[in-house]
Amino acid sequence: MTEEDKELELLKAKRLREMQKNLSQRQRSEEPKEIPVTTSPREMVVKQLGYRGLEVLENAEAQFPEETRLVTAKLVELIQAGEITEIIDGGKLLTLFRSLGIRVRVQTTINVEQDGKLVSWSDKIKGVRNTESQETTTDENP
């Protein structure tokens, strides 16, 4: 063998070792991450919840405990299988329950801006009614 052939063989061997190392690292990173057995299904779902997700889950548990337990179990299966990787916010969770026919009720408020402050819609309407009734009362008493 010539000098160039030996160098080429050494480079090939070095490159082969690098490729094997990269392959083994990739396989280790792709291995499913084991979730501790002590984690309950509910805790696993809670870790995946985002903005107002916990609120919707708690309302669902209070209103439909058995159905929520079944939905939670299925969500855990999907999370463990890697099919659900994104954060589930309250709107998505509420949509899921409603698509399954579970009408979870959530406390909502509508706020509007009045004089630079946020005021609830009901207070705004009450204020309009109060001013109308005051105007009517003053008009009747000349």
C-alpha atoms as a PDB file:
ATOM      1  CA  MET A   1       0.000   0.000   0.000  1.00  0.00           C
ATOM      2  CA  THR A   2       1.111   3.478  -0.737  1.00  0.00           C
ATOM      3  CA  GLU A   3       1.305   6.322   1.720  1.00  0.00           C
ATOM      4  CA  GLU A   4      -1.859   7.915   0.291  1.00  0.00           C
ATOM      5  CA  ASP A   5      -3.815   4.664   0.652  1.00  0.00           C
ATOM      6  CA  LYS A   6      -2.846   4.405   4.323  1.00  0.00           C
ATOM      7  CA  GLU A   7      -3.928   7.992   4.991  1.00  0.00           C
ATOM      8  CA  LEU A   8      -7.194   7.395   3.180  1.00  0.00           C
ATOM      9  CA  GLU A   9      -7.873   4.268   5.246  1.00  0.00           C
ATOM     10  CA  LEU A  10      -7.126   6.171   8.475  1.00  0.00           C
ATOM     11  CA  LEU A  11      -9.497   8.978   7.448  1.00  0.00           C
ATOM     12  CA  LYS A  12     -12.207   6.456   6.574  1.00  0.00           C
ATOM     13  CA  ALA A  13     -11.803   4.712   9.936  1.00  0.00           C
ATOM     14  CA  LYS A  14     -11.932   8.031  11.794  1.00  0.00           C
ATOM     15  CA  ARG A  15     -15.059   9.103   9.901  1.00  0.00           C
ATOM     16  CA  LEU A  16     -16.701   5.725  10.585  1.00  0.00           C
ATOM     17  CA  ARG A  17     -16.066   6.119  14.352  1.00  0.00           C
ATOM     18  CA  GLU A  18     -17.591   9.641  14.265  1.00  0.00           C
ATOM     19  CA  MET A  19     -20.657   8.385  12.422  1.00  0.00           C
ATOM     20  CA  GLN A  20     -21.133   5.521  14.896  1.00  0.00           C
ATOM     21  CA  LYS A  21     -20.786   7.920  17.819  1.00  0.00           C
ATOM     22  CA  ASN A  22     -23.363  10.302  16.308  1.00  0.00           C
ATOM     23  CA  LEU A  23     -25.724   7.420  15.621  1.00  0.00           C
ATOM     24  CA  SER A  24     -25.513   6.126  19.197  1.00  0.00           C
ATOM     25  CA  GLN A  25     -26.110   9.637  20.581  1.00  0.00           C
ATOM     26  CA  ARG A  26     -29.149  10.077  18.339  1.00  0.00           C
ATOM     27  CA  GLN A  27     -30.566   6.722  19.440  1.00  0.00           C
ATOM     28  CA  ARG A  28     -30.114   7.658  23.098  1.00  0.00           C
ATOM     29  CA  SER A  29     -31.904  10.974  22.584  1.00  0.00           C
ATOM     30  CA  GLU A  30     -34.763   9.301  20.702  1.00  0.00           C
ATOM     31  CA  GLU A  31     -35.394   6.743  23.429  1.00  0.00           C
ATOM     32  CA  PRO A  32     -38.736   7.426  25.084  1.00  0.00           C
ATOM     33  CA  LYS A  33     -38.247   9.282  28.282  1.00  0.00           C
ATOM     34  CA  GLU A  34     -39.491   7.251  31.185  1.00  0.00           C
ATOM     35  CA  ILE A  35     -42.046   9.054  33.299  1.00  0.00           C
ATOM     36  CA  PRO A  36     -41.907   8.140  36.966  1.00  0.00           C
ATOM     37  CA  VAL A  37     -44.605   5.686  37.992  1.00  0.00           C
ATOM     38  CA  THR A  38     -45.429   7.818  41.027  1.00  0.00           C
ATOM     39  CA  THR A  39     -46.851  10.547  38.781  1.00  0.00           C
ATOM     40  CA  SER A  40     -50.635  10.329  38.632  1.00  0.00           C
ATOM     41  CA  PRO A  41     -52.429  10.735  35.293  1.00  0.00           C
ATOM     42  CA  ARG A  42     -53.878  14.042  36.476  1.00  0.00           C
ATOM     43  CA  GLU A  43     -50.425  15.405  37.357  1.00  0.00           C
ATOM     44  CA  MET A  44     -49.126  14.438  33.927  1.00  0.00           C
ATOM     45  CA  VAL A  45     -51.970  16.304  32.246  1.00  0.00           C
ATOM     46  CA  VAL A  46     -51.523  19.322  34.544  1.00  0.00           C
ATOM     47  CA  LYS A  47     -47.846  19.560  33.478  1.00  0.00           C
ATOM     48  CA  GLN A  48     -49.042  19.844  29.864  1.00  0.00           C
ATOM     49  CA  LEU A  49     -51.622  22.579  30.585  1.00  0.00           C
ATOM     50  CA  GLY A  50     -51.135  26.240  29.750  1.00  0.00           C
ATOM     51  CA  TYR A  51     -53.073  29.457  30.329  1.00  0.00           C
ATOM     52  CA  ARG A  52     -56.355  28.743  32.176  1.00  0.00           C
ATOM     53  CA  GLY A  53     -56.026  25.029  31.444  1.00  0.00           C
ATOM     54  CA  LEU A  54     -56.001  24.084  35.122  1.00  0.00           C
ATOM     55  CA  GLU A  55     -59.101  26.199  35.705  1.00  0.00           C
ATOM     56  CA  VAL A  56     -61.006  24.341  32.975  1.00  0.00           C
ATOM     57  CA  LEU A  57     -59.775  20.968  34.257  1.00  0.00           C
ATOM     58  CA  GLU A  58     -60.861  21.744  37.820  1.00  0.00           C
ATOM     59  CA  ASN A  59     -64.295  22.900  36.637  1.00  0.00           C
ATOM     60  CA  ALA A  60     -64.661  19.731  34.573  1.00  0.00           C
ATOM     61  CA  GLU A  61     -63.650  17.559  37.540  1.00  0.00           C
ATOM     62  CA  ALA A  62     -66.193  19.282  39.768  1.00  0.00           C
ATOM     63  CA  GLN A  63     -69.032  19.070  37.233  1.00  0.00           C
ATOM     64  CA  PHE A  64     -68.284  15.735  35.487  1.00  0.00           C
ATOM     65  CA  PRO A  65     -65.849  13.706  37.647  1.00  0.00           C
ATOM     66  CA  GLU A  66     -66.167  10.317  35.916  1.00  0.00           C
ATOM     67  CA  GLU A  67     -66.077  11.682  32.371  1.00  0.00           C
ATOM     68  CA  THR A  68     -63.106  13.904  33.213  1.00  0.00           C
ATOM     69  CA  ARG A  69     -61.224  10.922  34.620  1.00  0.00           C
ATOM     70  CA  LEU A  70     -61.716   9.066  31.318  1.00  0.00           C
ATOM     71  CA  VAL A  71     -60.639  12.076  29.228  1.00  0.00           C
ATOM     72  CA  THR A  72     -57.601  12.572  31.463  1.00  0.00           C
ATOM     73  CA  ALA A  73     -56.600   8.917  31.056  1.00  0.00           C
ATOM     74  CA  LYS A  74     -56.816   9.198  27.253  1.00  0.00           C
ATOM     75  CA  LEU A  75     -54.813  12.440  27.285  1.00  0.00           C
ATOM     76  CA  VAL A  76     -52.093  10.687  29.299  1.00  0.00           C
ATOM     77  CA  GLU A  77     -51.938   7.897  26.697  1.00  0.00           C
ATOM     78  CA  LEU A  78     -51.536  10.456  23.913  1.00  0.00           C
ATOM     79  CA  ILE A  79     -48.898  12.410  25.839  1.00  0.00           C
ATOM     80  CA  GLN A  80     -46.894   9.254  26.558  1.00  0.00           C
ATOM     81  CA  ALA A  81     -47.151   8.176  22.918  1.00  0.00           C
ATOM     82  CA  GLY A  82     -45.760  11.552  21.884  1.00  0.00           C
ATOM     83  CA  GLU A  83     -48.834  12.508  19.882  1.00  0.00           C
ATOM     84  CA  ILE A  84     -49.500  15.508  22.116  1.00  0.00           C
ATOM     85  CA  THR A  85     -46.396  17.616  22.533  1.00  0.00           C
ATOM     86  CA  GLU A  86     -47.831  21.130  22.627  1.00  0.00           C
ATOM     87  CA  ILE A  87     -49.116  23.012  25.628  1.00  0.00           C
ATOM     88  CA  ILE A  88     -52.897  22.689  26.062  1.00  0.00           C
ATOM     89  CA  ASP A  89     -54.441  26.003  27.044  1.00  0.00           C
ATOM     90  CA  GLY A  90     -57.886  26.415  28.596  1.00  0.00           C
ATOM     91  CA  GLY A  91     -59.580  27.147  25.284  1.00  0.00           C
ATOM     92  CA  LYS A  92     -58.264  23.982  23.650  1.00  0.00           C
ATOM     93  CA  LEU A  93     -59.228  21.857  26.653  1.00  0.00           C
ATOM     94  CA  LEU A  94     -62.698  23.388  26.776  1.00  0.00           C
ATOM     95  CA  THR A  95     -63.107  22.736  23.047  1.00  0.00           C
ATOM     96  CA  LEU A  96     -62.059  19.119  23.586  1.00  0.00           C
ATOM     97  CA  PHE A  97     -64.637  18.600  26.332  1.00  0.00           C
ATOM     98  CA  ARG A  98     -67.368  20.260  24.299  1.00  0.00           C
ATOM     99  CA  SER A  99     -66.547  18.214  21.190  1.00  0.00           C
ATOM    100  CA  LEU A 100     -67.058  15.117  23.359  1.00  0.00           C
ATOM    101  CA  GLY A 101     -70.467  16.406  24.466  1.00  0.00           C
ATOM    102  CA  ILE A 102     -69.304  17.446  27.932  1.00  0.00           C
ATOM    103  CA  ARG A 103     -70.643  20.960  28.486  1.00  0.00           C
ATOM    104  CA  VAL A 104     -68.210  22.297  31.098  1.00  0.00           C
ATOM    105  CA  ARG A 105     -69.344  25.636  32.473  1.00  0.00           C
ATOM    106  CA  VAL A 106     -66.636  28.217  33.139  1.00  0.00           C
ATOM    107  CA  GLN A 107     -67.074  31.492  34.994  1.00  0.00           C
ATOM    108  CA  THR A 108     -66.552  34.313  32.512  1.00  0.00           C
ATOM    109  CA  THR A 109     -66.715  38.079  32.776  1.00  0.00           C
ATOM    110  CA  ILE A 110     -66.799  40.756  30.124  1.00  0.00           C
ATOM    111  CA  ASN A 111     -64.903  43.933  30.927  1.00  0.00           C
ATOM    112  CA  VAL A 112     -65.155  47.220  29.066  1.00  0.00           C
ATOM    113  CA  GLU A 113     -63.164  50.388  29.393  1.00  0.00           C
ATOM    114  CA  GLN A 114     -64.941  53.324  30.972  1.00  0.00           C
ATOM    115  CA  ASP A 115     -63.153  56.515  31.971  1.00  0.00           C
ATOM    116  CA  GLY A 116     -59.777  54.795  31.611  1.00  0.00           C
ATOM    117  CA  LYS A 117     -60.726  51.891  33.904  1.00  0.00           C
ATOM    118  CA  LEU A 118     -61.866  48.369  33.201  1.00  0.00           C
ATOM    119  CA  VAL A 119     -65.430  47.921  34.415  1.00  0.00           C
ATOM    120  CA  SER A 120     -67.508  44.755  34.223  1.00  0.00           C
ATOM    121  CA  TRP A 121     -70.238  44.784  31.615  1.00  0.00           C
ATOM    122  CA  SER A 122     -72.939  44.288  34.265  1.00  0.00           C
ATOM    123  CA  ASP A 123     -71.665  47.295  36.270  1.00  0.00           C
ATOM    124  CA  LYS A 124     -71.633  49.384  33.090  1.00  0.00           C
ATOM    125  CA  ILE A 125     -75.259  48.463  32.348  1.00  0.00           C
ATOM    126  CA  LYS A 126     -76.249  49.115  35.973  1.00  0.00           C
ATOM    127  CA  GLY A 127     -74.600  52.534  35.726  1.00  0.00           C
ATOM    128  CA  VAL A 128     -76.538  53.349  32.544  1.00  0.00           C
ATOM    129  CA  ARG A 129     -79.826  52.269  34.166  1.00  0.00           C
ATOM    130  CA  ASN A 130     -79.094  54.281  37.302  1.00  0.00           C
ATOM    131  CA  THR A 131     -78.409  57.459  35.305  1.00  0.00           C
ATOM    132  CA  GLU A 132     -81.592  56.906  33.256  1.00  0.00           C
ATOM    133  CA  SER A 133     -83.693  56.443  36.388  1.00  0.00           C
ATOM    134  CA  GLN A 134     -82.106  59.544  37.989  1.00  0.00           C
ATOM    135  CA  GLU A 135     -82.897  61.595  34.888  1.00  0.00           C
ATOM    136  CA  THR A 136     -86.489  60.358  34.929  1.00  0.00           C
ATOM    137  CA  THR A 137     -86.850  61.166  38.643  1.00  0.00           C
ATOM    138  CA  THR A 138     -85.499  64.714  38.219  1.00  0.00           C
ATOM    139  CA  ASP A 139     -87.690  65.349  35.168  1.00  0.00           C
ATOM    140  CA  GLU A 140     -90.830  64.394  37.083  1.00  0.00           C
ATOM    141  CA  ASN A 141     -90.136  66.829  39.926  1.00  0.00           C
ATOM    142  CA  PRO A 142     -89.972  70.305  38.428  1.00  0.00           C
END
